[in-house]
Amino acid sequence: MKIKANLSDLQMEKATPQKQTSVVTRSSSAVRNAKTEIDLRGMSLDEALIEVDRFIDQGLLANLQMLTVIHGKGTGVLRKGITDYLRQHRMVKSFRAGGLGEGDTGVTIITLK
């Protein structure tokens, strides 16, 4: 919106001190729609890292403890990039490769804090 006014018609408003409060809300839809598994096969590393970050955020909001990332075996680029990313993520308690029946080295299991 644009307004035309003379400079002499304008006044400075006095600043009022405001208390800073922080409110944390959790959406019940985030809890209901939370998934424990994400499939990244066929994505580039940059795309996959964005999705992993979003996936971890959703898991944290839903108060999940374990998440499964399917990256496939392939050349190992996704697995290496994701594990490097998880090493530095402050909300990841631990992570490991999947075991027999979990997807073996084509899967990474994440434990959240």
PDB file of N, CA and C in Angstrom:
ATOM      1  N   MET A   1       0.839  -1.163   0.000  1.00  0.00           N
ATOM      2  CA  MET A   1       0.000   0.000   0.000  1.00  0.00           C
ATOM      3  C   MET A   1       0.891   1.236   0.000  1.00  0.00           C
ATOM      4  N   LYS A   2       0.555   2.205  -0.814  1.00  0.00           N
ATOM      5  CA  LYS A   2       1.316   3.448  -0.873  1.00  0.00           C
ATOM      6  C   LYS A   2       0.433   4.588  -0.395  1.00  0.00           C
ATOM      7  N   ILE A   3       1.044   5.492   0.359  1.00  0.00           N
ATOM      8  CA  ILE A   3       0.331   6.667   0.864  1.00  0.00           C
ATOM      9  C   ILE A   3       1.166   7.887   0.559  1.00  0.00           C
ATOM     10  N   LYS A   4       0.507   8.948   0.081  1.00  0.00           N
ATOM     11  CA  LYS A   4       1.202  10.211  -0.137  1.00  0.00           C
ATOM     12  C   LYS A   4       0.864  11.125   1.032  1.00  0.00           C
ATOM     13  N   ALA A   5       1.892  11.667   1.682  1.00  0.00           N
ATOM     14  CA  ALA A   5       1.688  12.567   2.827  1.00  0.00           C
ATOM     15  C   ALA A   5       2.838  13.550   2.875  1.00  0.00           C
ATOM     16  N   ASN A   6       2.571  14.725   3.425  1.00  0.00           N
ATOM     17  CA  ASN A   6       3.624  15.714   3.623  1.00  0.00           C
ATOM     18  C   ASN A   6       4.482  15.286   4.796  1.00  0.00           C
ATOM     19  N   LEU A   7       5.743  15.630   4.744  1.00  0.00           N
ATOM     20  CA  LEU A   7       6.666  15.282   5.806  1.00  0.00           C
ATOM     21  C   LEU A   7       6.266  15.936   7.127  1.00  0.00           C
ATOM     22  N   SER A   8       5.688  17.105   7.056  1.00  0.00           N
ATOM     23  CA  SER A   8       5.274  17.802   8.280  1.00  0.00           C
ATOM     24  C   SER A   8       4.092  17.118   8.955  1.00  0.00           C
ATOM     25  N   ASP A   9       3.362  16.284   8.239  1.00  0.00           N
ATOM     26  CA  ASP A   9       2.225  15.562   8.814  1.00  0.00           C
ATOM     27  C   ASP A   9       2.642  14.296   9.561  1.00  0.00           C
ATOM     28  N   LEU A  10       3.892  13.893   9.419  1.00  0.00           N
ATOM     29  CA  LEU A  10       4.362  12.655  10.034  1.00  0.00           C
ATOM     30  C   LEU A  10       4.956  12.915  11.404  1.00  0.00           C
ATOM     31  N   GLN A  11       4.789  11.965  12.323  1.00  0.00           N
ATOM     32  CA  GLN A  11       5.330  12.057  13.679  1.00  0.00           C
ATOM     33  C   GLN A  11       6.057  10.761  14.000  1.00  0.00           C
ATOM     34  N   MET A  12       7.040  10.852  14.880  1.00  0.00           N
ATOM     35  CA  MET A  12       7.748   9.669  15.349  1.00  0.00           C
ATOM     36  C   MET A  12       6.907   9.026  16.445  1.00  0.00           C
ATOM     37  N   GLU A  13       6.764   7.751  16.392  1.00  0.00           N
ATOM     38  CA  GLU A  13       6.018   7.045  17.428  1.00  0.00           C
ATOM     39  C   GLU A  13       6.963   6.686  18.557  1.00  0.00           C
ATOM     40  N   LYS A  14       6.503   6.832  19.759  1.00  0.00           N
ATOM     41  CA  LYS A  14       7.331   6.499  20.916  1.00  0.00           C
ATOM     42  C   LYS A  14       7.395   4.991  21.041  1.00  0.00           C
ATOM     43  N   ALA A  15       8.603   4.517  21.238  1.00  0.00           N
ATOM     44  CA  ALA A  15       8.799   3.083  21.375  1.00  0.00           C
ATOM     45  C   ALA A  15       8.332   2.623  22.742  1.00  0.00           C
ATOM     46  N   THR A  16       7.580   1.543  22.754  1.00  0.00           N
ATOM     47  CA  THR A  16       7.131   0.979  24.020  1.00  0.00           C
ATOM     48  C   THR A  16       7.892  -0.320  24.248  1.00  0.00           C
ATOM     49  N   PRO A  17       8.444  -0.511  25.435  1.00  0.00           N
ATOM     50  CA  PRO A  17       9.179  -1.752  25.687  1.00  0.00           C
ATOM     51  C   PRO A  17       8.221  -2.943  25.660  1.00  0.00           C
ATOM     52  N   GLN A  18       8.656  -3.963  24.972  1.00  0.00           N
ATOM     53  CA  GLN A  18       7.835  -5.163  24.869  1.00  0.00           C
ATOM     54  C   GLN A  18       8.552  -6.323  25.526  1.00  0.00           C
ATOM     55  N   LYS A  19       7.804  -7.113  26.233  1.00  0.00           N
ATOM     56  CA  LYS A  19       8.372  -8.311  26.835  1.00  0.00           C
ATOM     57  C   LYS A  19       8.506  -9.358  25.744  1.00  0.00           C
ATOM     58  N   GLN A  20       9.646 -10.017  25.753  1.00  0.00           N
ATOM     59  CA  GLN A  20       9.852 -11.063  24.768  1.00  0.00           C
ATOM     60  C   GLN A  20       9.442 -12.385  25.384  1.00  0.00           C
ATOM     61  N   THR A  21       8.529 -13.033  24.748  1.00  0.00           N
ATOM     62  CA  THR A  21       8.098 -14.345  25.206  1.00  0.00           C
ATOM     63  C   THR A  21       8.271 -15.322  24.063  1.00  0.00           C
ATOM     64  N   SER A  22       8.555 -16.523  24.406  1.00  0.00           N
ATOM     65  CA  SER A  22       8.667 -17.548  23.385  1.00  0.00           C
ATOM     66  C   SER A  22       7.622 -18.617  23.666  1.00  0.00           C
ATOM     67  N   VAL A  23       6.957 -19.004  22.629  1.00  0.00           N
ATOM     68  CA  VAL A  23       5.917 -20.001  22.730  1.00  0.00           C
ATOM     69  C   VAL A  23       6.290 -21.158  21.823  1.00  0.00           C
ATOM     70  N   VAL A  24       6.261 -22.339  22.385  1.00  0.00           N
ATOM     71  CA  VAL A  24       6.548 -23.534  21.605  1.00  0.00           C
ATOM     72  C   VAL A  24       5.245 -24.298  21.442  1.00  0.00           C
ATOM     73  N   THR A  25       4.882 -24.528  20.220  1.00  0.00           N
ATOM     74  CA  THR A  25       3.665 -25.295  19.959  1.00  0.00           C
ATOM     75  C   THR A  25       4.013 -26.484  19.096  1.00  0.00           C
ATOM     76  N   ARG A  26       3.294 -27.528  19.318  1.00  0.00           N
ATOM     77  CA  ARG A  26       3.473 -28.715  18.502  1.00  0.00           C
ATOM     78  C   ARG A  26       2.157 -29.022  17.819  1.00  0.00           C
ATOM     79  N   SER A  27       2.240 -29.193  16.567  1.00  0.00           N
ATOM     80  CA  SER A  27       1.040 -29.472  15.795  1.00  0.00           C
ATOM     81  C   SER A  27       0.708 -30.956  15.897  1.00  0.00           C
ATOM     82  N   SER A  28      -0.516 -31.242  16.199  1.00  0.00           N
ATOM     83  CA  SER A  28      -0.913 -32.644  16.292  1.00  0.00           C
ATOM     84  C   SER A  28      -0.864 -33.315  14.924  1.00  0.00           C
ATOM     85  N   SER A  29      -1.027 -32.525  13.855  1.00  0.00           N
ATOM     86  CA  SER A  29      -0.934 -33.104  12.517  1.00  0.00           C
ATOM     87  C   SER A  29       0.494 -33.551  12.213  1.00  0.00           C
ATOM     88  N   ALA A  30       1.479 -32.847  12.793  1.00  0.00           N
ATOM     89  CA  ALA A  30       2.878 -33.251  12.595  1.00  0.00           C
ATOM     90  C   ALA A  30       3.130 -34.607  13.233  1.00  0.00           C
ATOM     91  N   VAL A  31       2.494 -34.846  14.369  1.00  0.00           N
ATOM     92  CA  VAL A  31       2.665 -36.128  15.056  1.00  0.00           C
ATOM     93  C   VAL A  31       1.955 -37.232  14.276  1.00  0.00           C
ATOM     94  N   ARG A  32       0.758 -36.936  13.807  1.00  0.00           N
ATOM     95  CA  ARG A  32      -0.003 -37.956  13.074  1.00  0.00           C
ATOM     96  C   ARG A  32       0.630 -38.292  11.733  1.00  0.00           C
ATOM     97  N   ASN A  33       1.234 -37.326  11.069  1.00  0.00           N
ATOM     98  CA  ASN A  33       1.791 -37.534   9.739  1.00  0.00           C
ATOM     99  C   ASN A  33       3.270 -37.888   9.749  1.00  0.00           C
ATOM    100  N   ALA A  34       3.857 -38.036  10.910  1.00  0.00           N
ATOM    101  CA  ALA A  34       5.289 -38.315  10.997  1.00  0.00           C
ATOM    102  C   ALA A  34       5.578 -39.716  10.477  1.00  0.00           C
ATOM    103  N   LYS A  35       6.600 -39.795   9.665  1.00  0.00           N
ATOM    104  CA  LYS A  35       7.027 -41.078   9.121  1.00  0.00           C
ATOM    105  C   LYS A  35       8.340 -41.466   9.789  1.00  0.00           C
ATOM    106  N   THR A  36       8.585 -42.752   9.881  1.00  0.00           N
ATOM    107  CA  THR A  36       9.817 -43.227  10.500  1.00  0.00           C
ATOM    108  C   THR A  36      10.842 -43.650   9.455  1.00  0.00           C
ATOM    109  N   GLU A  37      10.485 -43.507   8.171  1.00  0.00           N
ATOM    110  CA  GLU A  37      11.355 -43.979   7.106  1.00  0.00           C
ATOM    111  C   GLU A  37      11.272 -43.023   5.919  1.00  0.00           C
ATOM    112  N   ILE A  38      12.429 -42.784   5.291  1.00  0.00           N
ATOM    113  CA  ILE A  38      12.478 -41.944   4.092  1.00  0.00           C
ATOM    114  C   ILE A  38      13.354 -42.638   3.049  1.00  0.00           C
ATOM    115  N   ASP A  39      12.924 -42.579   1.808  1.00  0.00           N
ATOM    116  CA  ASP A  39      13.641 -43.218   0.711  1.00  0.00           C
ATOM    117  C   ASP A  39      14.287 -42.135  -0.160  1.00  0.00           C
ATOM    118  N   LEU A  40      15.604 -42.137  -0.224  1.00  0.00           N
ATOM    119  CA  LEU A  40      16.357 -41.112  -0.948  1.00  0.00           C
ATOM    120  C   LEU A  40      16.998 -41.644  -2.229  1.00  0.00           C
ATOM    121  N   ARG A  41      16.732 -42.881  -2.567  1.00  0.00           N
ATOM    122  CA  ARG A  41      17.369 -43.480  -3.749  1.00  0.00           C
ATOM    123  C   ARG A  41      17.042 -42.680  -4.997  1.00  0.00           C
ATOM    124  N   GLY A  42      18.054 -42.407  -5.793  1.00  0.00           N
ATOM    125  CA  GLY A  42      17.893 -41.682  -7.043  1.00  0.00           C
ATOM    126  C   GLY A  42      18.068 -40.183  -6.912  1.00  0.00           C
ATOM    127  N   MET A  43      18.205 -39.673  -5.695  1.00  0.00           N
ATOM    128  CA  MET A  43      18.389 -38.231  -5.489  1.00  0.00           C
ATOM    129  C   MET A  43      19.871 -37.879  -5.560  1.00  0.00           C
ATOM    130  N   SER A  44      20.139 -36.612  -5.842  1.00  0.00           N
ATOM    131  CA  SER A  44      21.516 -36.132  -5.741  1.00  0.00           C
ATOM    132  C   SER A  44      21.821 -35.927  -4.261  1.00  0.00           C
ATOM    133  N   LEU A  45      23.082 -35.777  -3.923  1.00  0.00           N
ATOM    134  CA  LEU A  45      23.467 -35.608  -2.523  1.00  0.00           C
ATOM    135  C   LEU A  45      22.866 -34.333  -1.942  1.00  0.00           C
ATOM    136  N   ASP A  46      22.881 -33.243  -2.690  1.00  0.00           N
ATOM    137  CA  ASP A  46      22.316 -31.980  -2.187  1.00  0.00           C
ATOM    138  C   ASP A  46      20.826 -32.108  -1.889  1.00  0.00           C
ATOM    139  N   GLU A  47      20.085 -32.733  -2.795  1.00  0.00           N
ATOM    140  CA  GLU A  47      18.652 -32.943  -2.577  1.00  0.00           C
ATOM    141  C   GLU A  47      18.418 -33.829  -1.360  1.00  0.00           C
ATOM    142  N   ALA A  48      19.216 -34.879  -1.251  1.00  0.00           N
ATOM    143  CA  ALA A  48      19.053 -35.835  -0.158  1.00  0.00           C
ATOM    144  C   ALA A  48      19.328 -35.186   1.196  1.00  0.00           C
ATOM    145  N   LEU A  49      20.339 -34.330   1.284  1.00  0.00           N
ATOM    146  CA  LEU A  49      20.659 -33.695   2.557  1.00  0.00           C
ATOM    147  C   LEU A  49      19.544 -32.755   3.009  1.00  0.00           C
ATOM    148  N   ILE A  50      18.915 -32.071   2.064  1.00  0.00           N
ATOM    149  CA  ILE A  50      17.778 -31.204   2.396  1.00  0.00           C
ATOM    150  C   ILE A  50      16.633 -32.055   2.949  1.00  0.00           C
ATOM    151  N   GLU A  51      16.379 -33.180   2.295  1.00  0.00           N
ATOM    152  CA  GLU A  51      15.305 -34.070   2.743  1.00  0.00           C
ATOM    153  C   GLU A  51      15.621 -34.699   4.101  1.00  0.00           C
ATOM    154  N   VAL A  52      16.864 -35.081   4.335  1.00  0.00           N
ATOM    155  CA  VAL A  52      17.246 -35.663   5.627  1.00  0.00           C
ATOM    156  C   VAL A  52      17.065 -34.635   6.732  1.00  0.00           C
ATOM    157  N   ASP A  53      17.453 -33.405   6.491  1.00  0.00           N
ATOM    158  CA  ASP A  53      17.289 -32.354   7.497  1.00  0.00           C
ATOM    159  C   ASP A  53      15.810 -32.154   7.824  1.00  0.00           C
ATOM    160  N   ARG A  54      14.978 -32.089   6.811  1.00  0.00           N
ATOM    161  CA  ARG A  54      13.536 -31.935   7.004  1.00  0.00           C
ATOM    162  C   ARG A  54      12.958 -33.149   7.739  1.00  0.00           C
ATOM    163  N   PHE A  55      13.446 -34.337   7.393  1.00  0.00           N
ATOM    164  CA  PHE A  55      12.993 -35.591   8.010  1.00  0.00           C
ATOM    165  C   PHE A  55      13.342 -35.623   9.494  1.00  0.00           C
ATOM    166  N   ILE A  56      14.542 -35.206   9.842  1.00  0.00           N
ATOM    167  CA  ILE A  56      14.945 -35.164  11.249  1.00  0.00           C
ATOM    168  C   ILE A  56      14.086 -34.162  12.016  1.00  0.00           C
ATOM    169  N   ASP A  57      13.841 -33.004  11.430  1.00  0.00           N
ATOM    170  CA  ASP A  57      12.978 -32.003  12.084  1.00  0.00           C
ATOM    171  C   ASP A  57      11.593 -32.571  12.363  1.00  0.00           C
ATOM    172  N   GLN A  58      11.015 -33.252  11.393  1.00  0.00           N
ATOM    173  CA  GLN A  58       9.688 -33.839  11.587  1.00  0.00           C
ATOM    174  C   GLN A  58       9.714 -34.920  12.659  1.00  0.00           C
ATOM    175  N   GLY A  59      10.775 -35.700  12.680  1.00  0.00           N
ATOM    176  CA  GLY A  59      10.916 -36.731  13.703  1.00  0.00           C
ATOM    177  C   GLY A  59      11.026 -36.139  15.094  1.00  0.00           C
ATOM    178  N   LEU A  60      11.751 -35.037  15.211  1.00  0.00           N
ATOM    179  CA  LEU A  60      11.887 -34.367  16.503  1.00  0.00           C
ATOM    180  C   LEU A  60      10.549 -33.793  16.962  1.00  0.00           C
ATOM    181  N   LEU A  61       9.809 -33.179  16.042  1.00  0.00           N
ATOM    182  CA  LEU A  61       8.499 -32.631  16.393  1.00  0.00           C
ATOM    183  C   LEU A  61       7.528 -33.718  16.835  1.00  0.00           C
ATOM    184  N   ALA A  62       7.652 -34.891  16.237  1.00  0.00           N
ATOM    185  CA  ALA A  62       6.773 -36.006  16.582  1.00  0.00           C
ATOM    186  C   ALA A  62       7.303 -36.809  17.766  1.00  0.00           C
ATOM    187  N   ASN A  63       8.438 -36.390  18.318  1.00  0.00           N
ATOM    188  CA  ASN A  63       9.049 -37.044  19.475  1.00  0.00           C
ATOM    189  C   ASN A  63       9.425 -38.503  19.180  1.00  0.00           C
ATOM    190  N   LEU A  64       9.913 -38.753  17.964  1.00  0.00           N
ATOM    191  CA  LEU A  64      10.353 -40.094  17.588  1.00  0.00           C
ATOM    192  C   LEU A  64      11.781 -40.318  18.067  1.00  0.00           C
ATOM    193  N   GLN A  65      12.116 -41.555  18.347  1.00  0.00           N
ATOM    194  CA  GLN A  65      13.453 -41.893  18.816  1.00  0.00           C
ATOM    195  C   GLN A  65      14.358 -42.409  17.703  1.00  0.00           C
ATOM    196  N   MET A  66      13.784 -43.192  16.783  1.00  0.00           N
ATOM    197  CA  MET A  66      14.584 -43.801  15.718  1.00  0.00           C
ATOM    198  C   MET A  66      13.983 -43.494  14.357  1.00  0.00           C
ATOM    199  N   LEU A  67      14.851 -43.216  13.403  1.00  0.00           N
ATOM    200  CA  LEU A  67      14.454 -42.941  12.026  1.00  0.00           C
ATOM    201  C   LEU A  67      15.279 -43.818  11.092  1.00  0.00           C
ATOM    202  N   THR A  68      14.701 -44.175   9.962  1.00  0.00           N
ATOM    203  CA  THR A  68      15.394 -44.995   8.984  1.00  0.00           C
ATOM    204  C   THR A  68      15.531 -44.215   7.680  1.00  0.00           C
ATOM    205  N   VAL A  69      16.761 -44.119   7.195  1.00  0.00           N
ATOM    206  CA  VAL A  69      17.048 -43.435   5.932  1.00  0.00           C
ATOM    207  C   VAL A  69      17.488 -44.491   4.921  1.00  0.00           C
ATOM    208  N   ILE A  70      16.741 -44.625   3.852  1.00  0.00           N
ATOM    209  CA  ILE A  70      17.082 -45.574   2.780  1.00  0.00           C
ATOM    210  C   ILE A  70      17.818 -44.793   1.697  1.00  0.00           C
ATOM    211  N   HIS A  71      19.089 -45.109   1.505  1.00  0.00           N
ATOM    212  CA  HIS A  71      19.888 -44.418   0.491  1.00  0.00           C
ATOM    213  C   HIS A  71      20.379 -45.364  -0.590  1.00  0.00           C
ATOM    214  N   GLY A  72      20.211 -46.644  -0.388  1.00  0.00           N
ATOM    215  CA  GLY A  72      20.656 -47.634  -1.365  1.00  0.00           C
ATOM    216  C   GLY A  72      22.159 -47.893  -1.254  1.00  0.00           C
ATOM    217  N   LYS A  73      22.601 -48.925  -1.937  1.00  0.00           N
ATOM    218  CA  LYS A  73      24.025 -49.294  -1.881  1.00  0.00           C
ATOM    219  C   LYS A  73      24.806 -48.567  -2.962  1.00  0.00           C
ATOM    220  N   GLY A  74      24.400 -48.653  -4.186  1.00  0.00           N
ATOM    221  CA  GLY A  74      24.997 -47.925  -5.316  1.00  0.00           C
ATOM    222  C   GLY A  74      26.480 -47.651  -5.206  1.00  0.00           C
ATOM    223  N   THR A  75      26.873 -46.423  -5.497  1.00  0.00           N
ATOM    224  CA  THR A  75      28.283 -46.036  -5.469  1.00  0.00           C
ATOM    225  C   THR A  75      28.735 -45.627  -4.068  1.00  0.00           C
ATOM    226  N   GLY A  76      27.802 -45.423  -3.168  1.00  0.00           N
ATOM    227  CA  GLY A  76      28.141 -45.048  -1.804  1.00  0.00           C
ATOM    228  C   GLY A  76      28.219 -43.554  -1.559  1.00  0.00           C
ATOM    229  N   VAL A  77      27.942 -42.757  -2.581  1.00  0.00           N
ATOM    230  CA  VAL A  77      28.017 -41.299  -2.442  1.00  0.00           C
ATOM    231  C   VAL A  77      26.978 -40.796  -1.442  1.00  0.00           C
ATOM    232  N   LEU A  78      25.738 -41.262  -1.570  1.00  0.00           N
ATOM    233  CA  LEU A  78      24.691 -40.836  -0.635  1.00  0.00           C
ATOM    234  C   LEU A  78      25.002 -41.284   0.789  1.00  0.00           C
ATOM    235  N   ARG A  79      25.407 -42.530   0.943  1.00  0.00           N
ATOM    236  CA  ARG A  79      25.713 -43.056   2.287  1.00  0.00           C
ATOM    237  C   ARG A  79      26.815 -42.237   2.943  1.00  0.00           C
ATOM    238  N   LYS A  80      27.885 -41.971   2.236  1.00  0.00           N
ATOM    239  CA  LYS A  80      29.003 -41.214   2.805  1.00  0.00           C
ATOM    240  C   LYS A  80      28.589 -39.784   3.123  1.00  0.00           C
ATOM    241  N   GLY A  81      27.880 -39.131   2.200  1.00  0.00           N
ATOM    242  CA  GLY A  81      27.441 -37.758   2.421  1.00  0.00           C
ATOM    243  C   GLY A  81      26.487 -37.641   3.595  1.00  0.00           C
ATOM    244  N   ILE A  82      25.575 -38.593   3.710  1.00  0.00           N
ATOM    245  CA  ILE A  82      24.606 -38.564   4.808  1.00  0.00           C
ATOM    246  C   ILE A  82      25.286 -38.837   6.135  1.00  0.00           C
ATOM    247  N   THR A  83      26.192 -39.806   6.191  1.00  0.00           N
ATOM    248  CA  THR A  83      26.880 -40.076   7.459  1.00  0.00           C
ATOM    249  C   THR A  83      27.759 -38.898   7.874  1.00  0.00           C
ATOM    250  N   ASP A  84      28.399 -38.238   6.916  1.00  0.00           N
ATOM    251  CA  ASP A  84      29.184 -37.038   7.243  1.00  0.00           C
ATOM    252  C   ASP A  84      28.282 -35.953   7.813  1.00  0.00           C
ATOM    253  N   TYR A  85      27.101 -35.798   7.243  1.00  0.00           N
ATOM    254  CA  TYR A  85      26.145 -34.805   7.724  1.00  0.00           C
ATOM    255  C   TYR A  85      25.645 -35.168   9.126  1.00  0.00           C
ATOM    256  N   LEU A  86      25.348 -36.434   9.352  1.00  0.00           N
ATOM    257  CA  LEU A  86      24.822 -36.862  10.659  1.00  0.00           C
ATOM    258  C   LEU A  86      25.857 -36.719  11.769  1.00  0.00           C
ATOM    259  N   ARG A  87      27.137 -36.866  11.444  1.00  0.00           N
ATOM    260  CA  ARG A  87      28.197 -36.709  12.455  1.00  0.00           C
ATOM    261  C   ARG A  87      28.174 -35.322  13.098  1.00  0.00           C
ATOM    262  N   GLN A  88      27.808 -34.313  12.323  1.00  0.00           N
ATOM    263  CA  GLN A  88      27.840 -32.945  12.828  1.00  0.00           C
ATOM    264  C   GLN A  88      26.475 -32.439  13.297  1.00  0.00           C
ATOM    265  N   HIS A  89      25.397 -33.196  13.070  1.00  0.00           N
ATOM    266  CA  HIS A  89      24.056 -32.742  13.438  1.00  0.00           C
ATOM    267  C   HIS A  89      23.890 -32.816  14.955  1.00  0.00           C
ATOM    268  N   ARG A  90      23.491 -31.712  15.562  1.00  0.00           N
ATOM    269  CA  ARG A  90      23.446 -31.639  17.026  1.00  0.00           C
ATOM    270  C   ARG A  90      22.297 -32.404  17.653  1.00  0.00           C
ATOM    271  N   MET A  91      21.289 -32.780  16.885  1.00  0.00           N
ATOM    272  CA  MET A  91      20.152 -33.511  17.441  1.00  0.00           C
ATOM    273  C   MET A  91      20.224 -35.018  17.195  1.00  0.00           C
ATOM    274  N   VAL A  92      21.308 -35.474  16.582  1.00  0.00           N
ATOM    275  CA  VAL A  92      21.496 -36.900  16.328  1.00  0.00           C
ATOM    276  C   VAL A  92      22.363 -37.474  17.429  1.00  0.00           C
ATOM    277  N   LYS A  93      21.799 -38.409  18.169  1.00  0.00           N
ATOM    278  CA  LYS A  93      22.535 -39.064  19.264  1.00  0.00           C
ATOM    279  C   LYS A  93      23.540 -40.061  18.691  1.00  0.00           C
ATOM    280  N   SER A  94      23.062 -40.898  17.767  1.00  0.00           N
ATOM    281  CA  SER A  94      23.938 -41.874  17.127  1.00  0.00           C
ATOM    282  C   SER A  94      23.303 -42.327  15.819  1.00  0.00           C
ATOM    283  N   PHE A  95      24.094 -43.019  15.027  1.00  0.00           N
ATOM    284  CA  PHE A  95      23.586 -43.604  13.789  1.00  0.00           C
ATOM    285  C   PHE A  95      24.429 -44.816  13.462  1.00  0.00           C
ATOM    286  N   ARG A  96      23.830 -45.719  12.689  1.00  0.00           N
ATOM    287  CA  ARG A  96      24.526 -46.952  12.313  1.00  0.00           C
ATOM    288  C   ARG A  96      23.975 -47.451  10.988  1.00  0.00           C
ATOM    289  N   ALA A  97      24.735 -48.321  10.353  1.00  0.00           N
ATOM    290  CA  ALA A  97      24.245 -48.967   9.140  1.00  0.00           C
ATOM    291  C   ALA A  97      23.207 -50.000   9.543  1.00  0.00           C
ATOM    292  N   GLY A  98      22.276 -50.270   8.659  1.00  0.00           N
ATOM    293  CA  GLY A  98      21.252 -51.266   8.942  1.00  0.00           C
ATOM    294  C   GLY A  98      21.864 -52.648   9.041  1.00  0.00           C
ATOM    295  N   GLY A  99      21.217 -53.491   9.798  1.00  0.00           N
ATOM    296  CA  GLY A  99      21.675 -54.866   9.951  1.00  0.00           C
ATOM    297  C   GLY A  99      20.962 -55.775   8.963  1.00  0.00           C
ATOM    298  N   LEU A 100      21.167 -57.069   9.124  1.00  0.00           N
ATOM    299  CA  LEU A 100      20.478 -58.035   8.271  1.00  0.00           C
ATOM    300  C   LEU A 100      18.982 -57.909   8.512  1.00  0.00           C
ATOM    301  N   GLY A 101      18.224 -57.858   7.449  1.00  0.00           N
ATOM    302  CA  GLY A 101      16.783 -57.714   7.556  1.00  0.00           C
ATOM    303  C   GLY A 101      16.335 -56.262   7.654  1.00  0.00           C
ATOM    304  N   GLU A 102      17.258 -55.339   7.874  1.00  0.00           N
ATOM    305  CA  GLU A 102      16.931 -53.906   7.945  1.00  0.00           C
ATOM    306  C   GLU A 102      17.287 -53.183   6.654  1.00  0.00           C
ATOM    307  N   GLY A 103      18.083 -53.813   5.822  1.00  0.00           N
ATOM    308  CA  GLY A 103      18.507 -53.178   4.576  1.00  0.00           C
ATOM    309  C   GLY A 103      20.006 -53.151   4.438  1.00  0.00           C
ATOM    310  N   ASP A 104      20.703 -53.738   5.402  1.00  0.00           N
ATOM    311  CA  ASP A 104      22.162 -53.848   5.359  1.00  0.00           C
ATOM    312  C   ASP A 104      22.811 -52.472   5.162  1.00  0.00           C
ATOM    313  N   THR A 105      23.771 -52.328   4.290  1.00  0.00           N
ATOM    314  CA  THR A 105      24.483 -51.061   4.123  1.00  0.00           C
ATOM    315  C   THR A 105      23.729 -50.056   3.255  1.00  0.00           C
ATOM    316  N   GLY A 106      22.566 -50.430   2.762  1.00  0.00           N
ATOM    317  CA  GLY A 106      21.741 -49.531   1.966  1.00  0.00           C
ATOM    318  C   GLY A 106      20.830 -48.670   2.816  1.00  0.00           C
ATOM    319  N   VAL A 107      20.950 -48.828   4.147  1.00  0.00           N
ATOM    320  CA  VAL A 107      20.075 -48.122   5.081  1.00  0.00           C
ATOM    321  C   VAL A 107      20.917 -47.564   6.219  1.00  0.00           C
ATOM    322  N   THR A 108      20.548 -46.404   6.722  1.00  0.00           N
ATOM    323  CA  THR A 108      21.168 -45.832   7.923  1.00  0.00           C
ATOM    324  C   THR A 108      20.074 -45.648   8.966  1.00  0.00           C
ATOM    325  N   ILE A 109      20.311 -46.154  10.169  1.00  0.00           N
ATOM    326  CA  ILE A 109      19.375 -46.027  11.279  1.00  0.00           C
ATOM    327  C   ILE A 109      19.867 -44.880  12.168  1.00  0.00           C
ATOM    328  N   ILE A 110      19.009 -43.901  12.423  1.00  0.00           N
ATOM    329  CA  ILE A 110      19.366 -42.723  13.212  1.00  0.00           C
ATOM    330  C   ILE A 110      18.649 -42.794  14.552  1.00  0.00           C
ATOM    331  N   THR A 111      19.387 -42.528  15.634  1.00  0.00           N
ATOM    332  CA  THR A 111      18.793 -42.380  16.957  1.00  0.00           C
ATOM    333  C   THR A 111      18.871 -40.905  17.317  1.00  0.00           C
ATOM    334  N   LEU A 112      17.715 -40.327  17.639  1.00  0.00           N
ATOM    335  CA  LEU A 112      17.650 -38.903  17.970  1.00  0.00           C
ATOM    336  C   LEU A 112      17.819 -38.670  19.459  1.00  0.00           C
ATOM    337  N   LYS A 113      18.243 -37.462  19.819  1.00  0.00           N
ATOM    338  CA  LYS A 113      18.402 -37.107  21.236  1.00  0.00           C
ATOM    339  C   LYS A 113      17.055 -36.875  21.874  1.00  0.00           C
TER     340      LYS A 113
END
